[in-house]
């Protein structure tokens, strides 16, 4: 199972979650977990509430169409406010799958 995580303002990530749930390419194929973050006031001068969203996709469902739809919705969320990916970028996930081949395991 592929899990992609993003960090951003809670309100923006809630909108992103709704968009994912209603997108015809993503609805029913992704499970979402929204986790509020407790932020130390020294980290930011903003008064926004921050959260992380974890988007889980079944390994057999990871298709280019699904990735393109998810990336488009994340870009829309970034237009509304800060959204940062937690962990490796989405594009490197495709490259990382090739590293699991026997040749990649020998390195």
Protein backbone atom coordinates (compact mmCIF):
# COMPACT_ATOMS: atom_id res chain seq x y z
CA UNK A 1 0.00 0.00 0.00
CA UNK A 2 1.27 3.44 -0.96
CA UNK A 3 0.83 6.18 1.65
CA UNK A 4 1.37 9.83 0.70
CA UNK A 5 1.36 12.46 3.43
CA UNK A 6 0.92 16.22 3.23
CA UNK A 7 1.12 18.91 5.91
CA UNK A 8 -0.79 22.18 5.79
CA UNK A 9 -3.57 24.26 7.26
CA UNK A 10 -6.42 22.16 8.61
CA UNK A 11 -9.16 23.97 6.67
CA UNK A 12 -7.28 23.60 3.39
CA UNK A 13 -6.62 19.89 3.97
CA UNK A 14 -10.29 19.32 4.81
CA UNK A 15 -11.22 20.85 1.45
CA UNK A 16 -8.60 18.62 -0.22
CA UNK A 17 -10.10 15.56 1.50
CA UNK A 18 -13.59 16.48 0.24
CA UNK A 19 -12.23 16.98 -3.28
CA UNK A 20 -10.52 13.58 -3.20
CA UNK A 21 -13.70 11.90 -1.93
CA UNK A 22 -15.78 13.42 -4.75
CA UNK A 23 -13.24 13.05 -7.59
CA UNK A 24 -14.45 10.34 -10.01
CA UNK A 25 -10.92 8.92 -10.41
CA UNK A 26 -10.13 8.84 -6.68
CA UNK A 27 -13.45 8.23 -4.91
CA UNK A 28 -13.45 4.83 -3.24
CA UNK A 29 -9.84 4.14 -4.22
CA UNK A 30 -8.14 6.19 -1.50
CA UNK A 31 -8.53 6.18 2.24
CA UNK A 32 -7.84 9.41 4.09
CA UNK A 33 -6.67 10.17 7.61
CA UNK A 34 -6.58 13.79 8.81
CA UNK A 35 -4.51 14.34 11.96
CA UNK A 36 -4.40 17.71 13.76
CA UNK A 37 -0.90 18.87 14.71
CA UNK A 38 -0.09 20.65 17.94
CA UNK A 39 2.22 23.46 16.92
CA UNK A 40 4.60 25.31 19.19
CA UNK A 41 3.95 29.05 18.86
CA UNK A 42 7.66 29.64 18.22
CA UNK A 43 7.41 27.72 14.94
CA UNK A 44 5.14 30.21 13.19
CA UNK A 45 3.79 33.70 13.55
CA UNK A 46 0.55 32.59 11.92
CA UNK A 47 -2.45 31.55 13.97
CA UNK A 48 -3.51 28.78 11.60
CA UNK A 49 -4.35 25.31 12.81
CA UNK A 50 -2.08 22.75 11.14
CA UNK A 51 -2.75 19.14 10.24
CA UNK A 52 -1.38 16.24 8.26
CA UNK A 53 -3.36 14.21 5.78
CA UNK A 54 -2.35 10.66 4.91
CA UNK A 55 -3.69 9.36 1.61
CA UNK A 56 -3.51 5.57 1.33
CA UNK A 57 -3.78 3.89 -2.05
CA UNK A 58 -3.91 0.14 -2.58
CA UNK A 59 -0.83 -1.08 -4.47
CA UNK A 60 -2.90 -2.61 -7.27
CA UNK A 61 -4.75 0.67 -7.80
CA UNK A 62 -1.69 2.90 -8.20
CA UNK A 63 -2.16 4.02 -11.80
CA UNK A 64 -1.04 7.05 -13.78
CA UNK A 65 -4.63 8.33 -13.90
CA UNK A 66 -4.89 8.15 -10.12
CA UNK A 67 -1.52 9.92 -9.65
CA UNK A 68 -2.44 12.65 -12.14
CA UNK A 69 -5.80 13.27 -10.47
CA UNK A 70 -4.21 13.38 -7.01
CA UNK A 71 -1.42 15.72 -8.13
CA UNK A 72 -3.95 18.07 -9.73
CA UNK A 73 -5.98 18.29 -6.52
CA UNK A 74 -2.85 18.85 -4.42
CA UNK A 75 -1.79 21.68 -6.75
CA UNK A 76 -5.22 23.29 -6.29
CA UNK A 77 -4.77 22.98 -2.52
CA UNK A 78 -1.36 24.65 -2.84
CA UNK A 79 -3.01 27.54 -4.66
CA UNK A 80 -5.25 28.02 -1.60
CA UNK A 81 -2.39 27.88 0.93
CA UNK A 82 0.77 26.09 2.03
CA UNK A 83 0.75 22.32 1.50
CA UNK A 84 4.03 20.46 1.96
CA UNK A 85 4.64 16.83 1.20
CA UNK A 86 5.93 14.81 4.12
CA UNK A 87 8.47 12.23 2.97
CA UNK A 88 9.68 11.57 -0.57
CA UNK A 89 8.03 13.51 -3.43
CA UNK A 90 5.20 11.78 -5.29
CA UNK A 91 7.30 11.53 -8.48
CA UNK A 92 10.07 9.62 -6.68
CA UNK A 93 7.56 6.96 -5.61
CA UNK A 94 7.47 5.73 -9.22
CA UNK A 95 11.27 5.58 -9.29
CA UNK A 96 11.38 3.91 -5.87
CA UNK A 97 9.32 0.98 -7.07
CA UNK A 98 12.08 0.08 -9.52
CA UNK A 99 14.57 0.00 -6.66
CA UNK A 100 12.72 -2.96 -5.17
CA UNK A 101 13.79 -5.20 -8.04
CA UNK A 102 16.43 -7.85 -7.31
CA UNK A 103 19.09 -5.63 -8.91
CA UNK A 104 18.17 -2.77 -6.57
CA UNK A 105 18.22 -5.10 -3.56
CA UNK A 106 21.80 -6.17 -4.23
CA UNK A 107 23.17 -2.63 -3.91
